[in-house]
PDB file of N, CA and C in Angstrom:
ATOM      1  N   UNK A   1     121.889  29.116  74.918  1.00  0.00           N
ATOM      2  CA  UNK A   1     122.853  30.193  74.835  1.00  0.00           C
ATOM      3  C   UNK A   1     122.495  31.066  73.637  1.00  0.00           C
ATOM      4  N   UNK A   2     122.459  32.376  73.811  1.00  0.00           N
ATOM      5  CA  UNK A   2     122.155  33.271  72.686  1.00  0.00           C
ATOM      6  C   UNK A   2     123.156  33.098  71.530  1.00  0.00           C
ATOM      7  N   UNK A   3     122.685  33.321  70.330  1.00  0.00           N
ATOM      8  CA  UNK A   3     123.544  33.172  69.153  1.00  0.00           C
ATOM      9  C   UNK A   3     124.749  34.102  69.238  1.00  0.00           C
ATOM     10  N   UNK A   4     124.580  35.314  69.758  1.00  0.00           N
ATOM     11  CA  UNK A   4     125.718  36.230  69.867  1.00  0.00           C
ATOM     12  C   UNK A   4     126.809  35.635  70.753  1.00  0.00           C
ATOM     13  N   UNK A   5     126.433  34.949  71.819  1.00  0.00           N
ATOM     14  CA  UNK A   5     127.410  34.288  72.683  1.00  0.00           C
ATOM     15  C   UNK A   5     128.067  33.112  71.973  1.00  0.00           C
ATOM     16  N   UNK A   6     127.308  32.391  71.170  1.00  0.00           N
ATOM     17  CA  UNK A   6     127.866  31.275  70.404  1.00  0.00           C
ATOM     18  C   UNK A   6     128.881  31.782  69.386  1.00  0.00           C
ATOM     19  N   UNK A   7     128.573  32.904  68.740  1.00  0.00           N
ATOM     20  CA  UNK A   7     129.503  33.500  67.782  1.00  0.00           C
ATOM     21  C   UNK A   7     130.790  33.876  68.501  1.00  0.00           C
ATOM     22  N   UNK A   8     130.663  34.566  69.624  1.00  0.00           N
ATOM     23  CA  UNK A   8     131.845  34.997  70.372  1.00  0.00           C
ATOM     24  C   UNK A   8     132.677  33.800  70.829  1.00  0.00           C
ATOM     25  N   UNK A   9     132.043  32.798  71.366  1.00  0.00           N
ATOM     26  CA  UNK A   9     132.754  31.610  71.842  1.00  0.00           C
ATOM     27  C   UNK A   9     133.513  30.922  70.706  1.00  0.00           C
ATOM     28  N   UNK A  10     132.852  30.756  69.566  1.00  0.00           N
ATOM     29  CA  UNK A  10     133.482  30.085  68.421  1.00  0.00           C
ATOM     30  C   UNK A  10     134.677  30.877  67.898  1.00  0.00           C
ATOM     31  N   UNK A  11     134.535  32.197  67.804  1.00  0.00           N
ATOM     32  CA  UNK A  11     135.627  33.012  67.272  1.00  0.00           C
ATOM     33  C   UNK A  11     136.806  33.064  68.228  1.00  0.00           C
ATOM     34  N   UNK A  12     136.528  33.156  69.517  1.00  0.00           N
ATOM     35  CA  UNK A  12     137.624  33.156  70.508  1.00  0.00           C
ATOM     36  C   UNK A  12     138.352  31.812  70.537  1.00  0.00           C
ATOM     37  N   UNK A  13     137.631  30.734  70.269  1.00  0.00           N
ATOM     38  CA  UNK A  13     138.256  29.403  70.241  1.00  0.00           C
ATOM     39  C   UNK A  13     139.120  29.209  68.999  1.00  0.00           C
ATOM     40  N   UNK A  14     138.740  29.837  67.895  1.00  0.00           N
ATOM     41  CA  UNK A  14     139.423  29.615  66.623  1.00  0.00           C
ATOM     42  C   UNK A  14     140.595  30.556  66.359  1.00  0.00           C
ATOM     43  N   UNK A  15     140.551  31.765  66.938  1.00  0.00           N
ATOM     44  CA  UNK A  15     141.551  32.776  66.615  1.00  0.00           C
ATOM     45  C   UNK A  15     142.155  33.366  67.892  1.00  0.00           C
ATOM     46  N   UNK A  16     143.341  33.937  67.752  1.00  0.00           N
ATOM     47  CA  UNK A  16     144.001  34.650  68.857  1.00  0.00           C
ATOM     48  C   UNK A  16     143.443  36.071  68.892  1.00  0.00           C
ATOM     49  N   UNK A  17     142.238  36.202  69.369  1.00  0.00           N
ATOM     50  CA  UNK A  17     141.489  37.459  69.317  1.00  0.00           C
ATOM     51  C   UNK A  17     142.103  38.508  70.248  1.00  0.00           C
ATOM     52  N   UNK A  18     142.337  39.705  69.681  1.00  0.00           N
ATOM     53  CA  UNK A  18     142.780  40.825  70.510  1.00  0.00           C
ATOM     54  C   UNK A  18     141.639  41.799  70.767  1.00  0.00           C
ATOM     55  N   UNK A  19     140.681  41.850  69.851  1.00  0.00           N
ATOM     56  CA  UNK A  19     139.469  42.657  70.019  1.00  0.00           C
ATOM     57  C   UNK A  19     138.323  41.928  69.343  1.00  0.00           C
ATOM     58  N   UNK A  20     137.144  41.969  69.982  1.00  0.00           N
ATOM     59  CA  UNK A  20     135.975  41.321  69.405  1.00  0.00           C
ATOM     60  C   UNK A  20     134.721  42.031  69.889  1.00  0.00           C
ATOM     61  N   UNK A  21     133.868  42.342  68.919  1.00  0.00           N
ATOM     62  CA  UNK A  21     132.554  42.919  69.228  1.00  0.00           C
ATOM     63  C   UNK A  21     131.523  42.173  68.395  1.00  0.00           C
ATOM     64  N   UNK A  22     130.531  41.608  69.064  1.00  0.00           N
ATOM     65  CA  UNK A  22     129.431  40.915  68.395  1.00  0.00           C
ATOM     66  C   UNK A  22     128.158  41.636  68.804  1.00  0.00           C
ATOM     67  N   UNK A  23     127.469  42.200  67.815  1.00  0.00           N
ATOM     68  CA  UNK A  23     126.267  42.985  68.101  1.00  0.00           C
ATOM     69  C   UNK A  23     125.079  42.430  67.326  1.00  0.00           C
ATOM     70  N   UNK A  24     124.004  42.153  68.043  1.00  0.00           N
ATOM     71  CA  UNK A  24     122.755  41.717  67.420  1.00  0.00           C
ATOM     72  C   UNK A  24     122.021  42.974  66.948  1.00  0.00           C
ATOM     73  N   UNK A  25     121.952  43.152  65.644  1.00  0.00           N
ATOM     74  CA  UNK A  25     121.309  44.331  65.061  1.00  0.00           C
ATOM     75  C   UNK A  25     119.988  43.952  64.383  1.00  0.00           C
ATOM     76  N   UNK A  26     119.419  42.857  64.812  1.00  0.00           N
ATOM     77  CA  UNK A  26     118.206  42.328  64.190  1.00  0.00           C
ATOM     78  C   UNK A  26     117.051  43.320  64.210  1.00  0.00           C
ATOM     79  N   UNK A  27     116.872  44.016  65.312  1.00  0.00           N
ATOM     80  CA  UNK A  27     115.733  44.921  65.444  1.00  0.00           C
ATOM     81  C   UNK A  27     115.746  45.996  64.357  1.00  0.00           C
ATOM     82  N   UNK A  28     116.919  46.388  63.905  1.00  0.00           N
ATOM     83  CA  UNK A  28     117.024  47.388  62.844  1.00  0.00           C
ATOM     84  C   UNK A  28     116.523  46.840  61.507  1.00  0.00           C
ATOM     85  N   UNK A  29     116.322  45.540  61.429  1.00  0.00           N
ATOM     86  CA  UNK A  29     115.889  44.898  60.191  1.00  0.00           C
ATOM     87  C   UNK A  29     114.459  44.365  60.282  1.00  0.00           C
ATOM     88  N   UNK A  30     113.725  44.809  61.283  1.00  0.00           N
ATOM     89  CA  UNK A  30     112.325  44.400  61.435  1.00  0.00           C
ATOM     90  C   UNK A  30     111.575  44.703  60.130  1.00  0.00           C
ATOM     91  N   UNK A  31     110.849  43.728  59.642  1.00  0.00           N
ATOM     92  CA  UNK A  31     110.093  43.885  58.405  1.00  0.00           C
ATOM     93  C   UNK A  31     110.878  43.494  57.170  1.00  0.00           C
ATOM     94  N   UNK A  32     112.162  43.246  57.308  1.00  0.00           N
ATOM     95  CA  UNK A  32     112.984  42.831  56.167  1.00  0.00           C
ATOM     96  C   UNK A  32     113.056  41.311  56.114  1.00  0.00           C
ATOM     97  N   UNK A  33     113.524  40.816  55.010  1.00  0.00           N
ATOM     98  CA  UNK A  33     113.670  39.374  54.837  1.00  0.00           C
ATOM     99  C   UNK A  33     114.560  38.796  55.930  1.00  0.00           C
ATOM    100  N   UNK A  34     114.175  37.646  56.415  1.00  0.00           N
ATOM    101  CA  UNK A  34     114.998  36.941  57.385  1.00  0.00           C
ATOM    102  C   UNK A  34     114.774  37.341  58.823  1.00  0.00           C
ATOM    103  N   UNK A  35     114.045  38.421  59.071  1.00  0.00           N
ATOM    104  CA  UNK A  35     113.810  38.850  60.459  1.00  0.00           C
ATOM    105  C   UNK A  35     112.866  37.865  61.136  1.00  0.00           C
ATOM    106  N   UNK A  36     113.213  37.502  62.367  1.00  0.00           N
ATOM    107  CA  UNK A  36     112.338  36.669  63.193  1.00  0.00           C
ATOM    108  C   UNK A  36     112.077  37.416  64.489  1.00  0.00           C
ATOM    109  N   UNK A  37     110.880  37.287  64.979  1.00  0.00           N
ATOM    110  CA  UNK A  37     110.535  37.890  66.266  1.00  0.00           C
ATOM    111  C   UNK A  37     111.493  37.349  67.323  1.00  0.00           C
ATOM    112  N   UNK A  38     111.999  38.220  68.145  1.00  0.00           N
ATOM    113  CA  UNK A  38     112.968  37.813  69.156  1.00  0.00           C
ATOM    114  C   UNK A  38     114.401  38.072  68.735  1.00  0.00           C
ATOM    115  N   UNK A  39     114.602  38.445  67.480  1.00  0.00           N
ATOM    116  CA  UNK A  39     115.937  38.801  67.005  1.00  0.00           C
ATOM    117  C   UNK A  39     116.807  37.601  66.701  1.00  0.00           C
ATOM    118  N   UNK A  40     118.083  37.794  66.871  1.00  0.00           N
ATOM    119  CA  UNK A  40     119.112  36.784  66.602  1.00  0.00           C
ATOM    120  C   UNK A  40     119.128  36.336  65.146  1.00  0.00           C
ATOM    121  N   UNK A  41     118.947  37.303  64.237  1.00  0.00           N
ATOM    122  CA  UNK A  41     118.981  36.987  62.808  1.00  0.00           C
ATOM    123  C   UNK A  41     120.038  37.794  62.061  1.00  0.00           C
ATOM    124  N   UNK A  42     120.353  38.982  62.542  1.00  0.00           N
ATOM    125  CA  UNK A  42     121.284  39.889  61.877  1.00  0.00           C
ATOM    126  C   UNK A  42     122.359  40.315  62.882  1.00  0.00           C
ATOM    127  N   UNK A  43     123.628  40.147  62.488  1.00  0.00           N
ATOM    128  CA  UNK A  43     124.722  40.455  63.402  1.00  0.00           C
ATOM    129  C   UNK A  43     125.809  41.269  62.722  1.00  0.00           C
ATOM    130  N   UNK A  44     126.388  42.184  63.487  1.00  0.00           N
ATOM    131  CA  UNK A  44     127.600  42.900  63.094  1.00  0.00           C
ATOM    132  C   UNK A  44     128.721  42.356  63.966  1.00  0.00           C
ATOM    133  N   UNK A  45     129.809  41.935  63.330  1.00  0.00           N
ATOM    134  CA  UNK A  45     130.952  41.404  64.060  1.00  0.00           C
ATOM    135  C   UNK A  45     132.201  42.173  63.647  1.00  0.00           C
ATOM    136  N   UNK A  46     132.921  42.669  64.638  1.00  0.00           N
ATOM    137  CA  UNK A  46     134.231  43.286  64.411  1.00  0.00           C
ATOM    138  C   UNK A  46     135.236  42.424  65.163  1.00  0.00           C
ATOM    139  N   UNK A  47     136.227  41.916  64.445  1.00  0.00           N
ATOM    140  CA  UNK A  47     137.214  41.042  65.061  1.00  0.00           C
ATOM    141  C   UNK A  47     138.612  41.456  64.625  1.00  0.00           C
ATOM    142  N   UNK A  48     139.510  41.461  65.580  1.00  0.00           N
ATOM    143  CA  UNK A  48     140.917  41.754  65.316  1.00  0.00           C
ATOM    144  C   UNK A  48     141.721  40.580  65.863  1.00  0.00           C
ATOM    145  N   UNK A  49     142.522  39.973  65.004  1.00  0.00           N
ATOM    146  CA  UNK A  49     143.355  38.846  65.407  1.00  0.00           C
ATOM    147  C   UNK A  49     144.530  38.738  64.439  1.00  0.00           C
ATOM    148  N   UNK A  50     145.718  38.458  64.941  1.00  0.00           N
ATOM    149  CA  UNK A  50     146.876  38.333  64.056  1.00  0.00           C
ATOM    150  C   UNK A  50     146.747  37.189  63.055  1.00  0.00           C
ATOM    151  N   UNK A  51     145.842  36.259  63.314  1.00  0.00           N
ATOM    152  CA  UNK A  51     145.619  35.133  62.390  1.00  0.00           C
ATOM    153  C   UNK A  51     145.244  35.618  60.983  1.00  0.00           C
ATOM    154  N   UNK A  52     144.689  36.818  60.888  1.00  0.00           N
ATOM    155  CA  UNK A  52     144.207  37.329  59.605  1.00  0.00           C
ATOM    156  C   UNK A  52     145.272  38.072  58.800  1.00  0.00           C
ATOM    157  N   UNK A  53     146.447  38.246  59.364  1.00  0.00           N
ATOM    158  CA  UNK A  53     147.519  38.968  58.665  1.00  0.00           C
ATOM    159  C   UNK A  53     147.868  38.264  57.355  1.00  0.00           C
ATOM    160  N   UNK A  54     147.938  39.033  56.289  1.00  0.00           N
ATOM    161  CA  UNK A  54     148.323  38.511  54.990  1.00  0.00           C
ATOM    162  C   UNK A  54     147.219  37.807  54.216  1.00  0.00           C
ATOM    163  N   UNK A  55     146.046  37.658  54.804  1.00  0.00           N
ATOM    164  CA  UNK A  55     144.945  36.998  54.103  1.00  0.00           C
ATOM    165  C   UNK A  55     144.146  38.006  53.283  1.00  0.00           C
ATOM    166  N   UNK A  56     143.623  37.549  52.170  1.00  0.00           N
ATOM    167  CA  UNK A  56     142.731  38.384  51.371  1.00  0.00           C
ATOM    168  C   UNK A  56     141.416  38.549  52.117  1.00  0.00           C
ATOM    169  N   UNK A  57     140.628  39.508  51.681  1.00  0.00           N
ATOM    170  CA  UNK A  57     139.319  39.724  52.301  1.00  0.00           C
ATOM    171  C   UNK A  57     138.469  38.457  52.243  1.00  0.00           C
ATOM    172  N   UNK A  58     138.485  37.799  51.091  1.00  0.00           N
ATOM    173  CA  UNK A  58     137.707  36.574  50.918  1.00  0.00           C
ATOM    174  C   UNK A  58     138.207  35.475  51.851  1.00  0.00           C
ATOM    175  N   UNK A  59     139.508  35.326  51.975  1.00  0.00           N
ATOM    176  CA  UNK A  59     140.076  34.299  52.853  1.00  0.00           C
ATOM    177  C   UNK A  59     139.716  34.573  54.318  1.00  0.00           C
ATOM    178  N   UNK A  60     139.697  35.842  54.716  1.00  0.00           N
ATOM    179  CA  UNK A  60     139.299  36.197  56.086  1.00  0.00           C
ATOM    180  C   UNK A  60     137.855  35.801  56.342  1.00  0.00           C
ATOM    181  N   UNK A  61     136.977  36.121  55.400  1.00  0.00           N
ATOM    182  CA  UNK A  61     135.560  35.793  55.551  1.00  0.00           C
ATOM    183  C   UNK A  61     135.357  34.276  55.584  1.00  0.00           C
ATOM    184  N   UNK A  62     136.076  33.573  54.736  1.00  0.00           N
ATOM    185  CA  UNK A  62     135.967  32.106  54.726  1.00  0.00           C
ATOM    186  C   UNK A  62     136.438  31.523  56.056  1.00  0.00           C
ATOM    187  N   UNK A  63     137.509  32.081  56.618  1.00  0.00           N
ATOM    188  CA  UNK A  63     138.029  31.594  57.900  1.00  0.00           C
ATOM    189  C   UNK A  63     137.002  31.801  59.012  1.00  0.00           C
ATOM    190  N   UNK A  64     136.358  32.961  59.028  1.00  0.00           N
ATOM    191  CA  UNK A  64     135.336  33.227  60.044  1.00  0.00           C
ATOM    192  C   UNK A  64     134.160  32.281  59.870  1.00  0.00           C
ATOM    193  N   UNK A  65     133.694  32.106  58.649  1.00  0.00           N
ATOM    194  CA  UNK A  65     132.566  31.204  58.394  1.00  0.00           C
ATOM    195  C   UNK A  65     132.923  29.774  58.796  1.00  0.00           C
ATOM    196  N   UNK A  66     134.137  29.340  58.505  1.00  0.00           N
ATOM    197  CA  UNK A  66     134.568  27.992  58.892  1.00  0.00           C
ATOM    198  C   UNK A  66     134.599  27.860  60.414  1.00  0.00           C
ATOM    199  N   UNK A  67     135.061  28.896  61.100  1.00  0.00           N
ATOM    200  CA  UNK A  67     135.121  28.863  62.565  1.00  0.00           C
ATOM    201  C   UNK A  67     133.723  28.792  63.173  1.00  0.00           C
ATOM    202  N   UNK A  68     132.768  29.463  62.559  1.00  0.00           N
ATOM    203  CA  UNK A  68     131.401  29.456  63.078  1.00  0.00           C
ATOM    204  C   UNK A  68     130.690  28.141  62.783  1.00  0.00           C
ATOM    205  N   UNK A  69     131.015  27.528  61.659  1.00  0.00           N
ATOM    206  CA  UNK A  69     130.424  26.245  61.298  1.00  0.00           C
ATOM    207  C   UNK A  69     129.097  26.392  60.584  1.00  0.00           C
ATOM    208  N   UNK A  70     128.762  25.392  59.816  1.00  0.00           N
ATOM    209  CA  UNK A  70     127.562  25.420  58.978  1.00  0.00           C
ATOM    210  C   UNK A  70     126.278  25.534  59.785  1.00  0.00           C
ATOM    211  N   UNK A  71     126.206  24.878  60.938  1.00  0.00           N
ATOM    212  CA  UNK A  71     124.981  24.920  61.741  1.00  0.00           C
ATOM    213  C   UNK A  71     124.689  26.340  62.223  1.00  0.00           C
ATOM    214  N   UNK A  72     125.697  26.985  62.781  1.00  0.00           N
ATOM    215  CA  UNK A  72     125.504  28.348  63.293  1.00  0.00           C
ATOM    216  C   UNK A  72     125.249  29.327  62.148  1.00  0.00           C
ATOM    217  N   UNK A  73     126.016  29.234  61.084  1.00  0.00           N
ATOM    218  CA  UNK A  73     125.810  30.102  59.918  1.00  0.00           C
ATOM    219  C   UNK A  73     124.400  29.911  59.365  1.00  0.00           C
ATOM    220  N   UNK A  74     123.891  28.698  59.396  1.00  0.00           N
ATOM    221  CA  UNK A  74     122.556  28.413  58.881  1.00  0.00           C
ATOM    222  C   UNK A  74     121.432  29.052  59.687  1.00  0.00           C
ATOM    223  N   UNK A  75     121.716  29.432  60.936  1.00  0.00           N
ATOM    224  CA  UNK A  75     120.699  30.067  61.781  1.00  0.00           C
ATOM    225  C   UNK A  75     120.767  31.590  61.736  1.00  0.00           C
ATOM    226  N   UNK A  76     121.733  32.123  61.002  1.00  0.00           N
ATOM    227  CA  UNK A  76     121.918  33.572  60.890  1.00  0.00           C
ATOM    228  C   UNK A  76     121.474  34.002  59.497  1.00  0.00           C
ATOM    229  N   UNK A  77     120.670  35.054  59.425  1.00  0.00           N
ATOM    230  CA  UNK A  77     120.252  35.551  58.110  1.00  0.00           C
ATOM    231  C   UNK A  77     121.313  36.470  57.507  1.00  0.00           C
ATOM    232  N   UNK A  78     121.901  37.342  58.325  1.00  0.00           N
ATOM    233  CA  UNK A  78     122.888  38.298  57.813  1.00  0.00           C
ATOM    234  C   UNK A  78     124.014  38.459  58.811  1.00  0.00           C
ATOM    235  N   UNK A  79     125.243  38.466  58.291  1.00  0.00           N
ATOM    236  CA  UNK A  79     126.438  38.597  59.112  1.00  0.00           C
ATOM    237  C   UNK A  79     127.361  39.616  58.463  1.00  0.00           C
ATOM    238  N   UNK A  80     127.506  40.766  59.107  1.00  0.00           N
ATOM    239  CA  UNK A  80     128.410  41.807  58.618  1.00  0.00           C
ATOM    240  C   UNK A  80     129.736  41.655  59.345  1.00  0.00           C
ATOM    241  N   UNK A  81     130.828  41.578  58.594  1.00  0.00           N
ATOM    242  CA  UNK A  81     132.136  41.336  59.191  1.00  0.00           C
ATOM    243  C   UNK A  81     133.091  42.496  58.950  1.00  0.00           C
ATOM    244  N   UNK A  82     133.761  42.914  60.001  1.00  0.00           N
ATOM    245  CA  UNK A  82     134.864  43.868  59.941  1.00  0.00           C
ATOM    246  C   UNK A  82     136.047  43.131  60.540  1.00  0.00           C
ATOM    247  N   UNK A  83     136.993  42.705  59.690  1.00  0.00           N
ATOM    248  CA  UNK A  83     138.078  41.825  60.113  1.00  0.00           C
ATOM    249  C   UNK A  83     139.423  42.510  59.889  1.00  0.00           C
ATOM    250  N   UNK A  84     140.227  42.593  60.959  1.00  0.00           N
ATOM    251  CA  UNK A  84     141.563  43.194  60.864  1.00  0.00           C
ATOM    252  C   UNK A  84     142.576  42.322  61.592  1.00  0.00           C
ATOM    253  N   UNK A  85     143.826  42.356  61.110  1.00  0.00           N
ATOM    254  CA  UNK A  85     144.886  41.596  61.795  1.00  0.00           C
ATOM    255  C   UNK A  85     145.331  42.285  63.080  1.00  0.00           C
TER     256      UNK A  85
END
């Protein structure tokens, strides 16, 4: 299963998602650190879920990282997050 699908599955399982966009932007980072042929190294994620209401920016990021888990996070070089309640 592609990493983008794994990200989406994990986030939908962990949060009451109302909007979610997971985009593999690896090709835009060709030649930069962490790029691997075939992509799946750099991702932009926009997620909207009421679970994030009242949380600080850091707490939101920690919640997303916890939902993805150490194994999945370890296979991603860069993860850009746009998180809203």
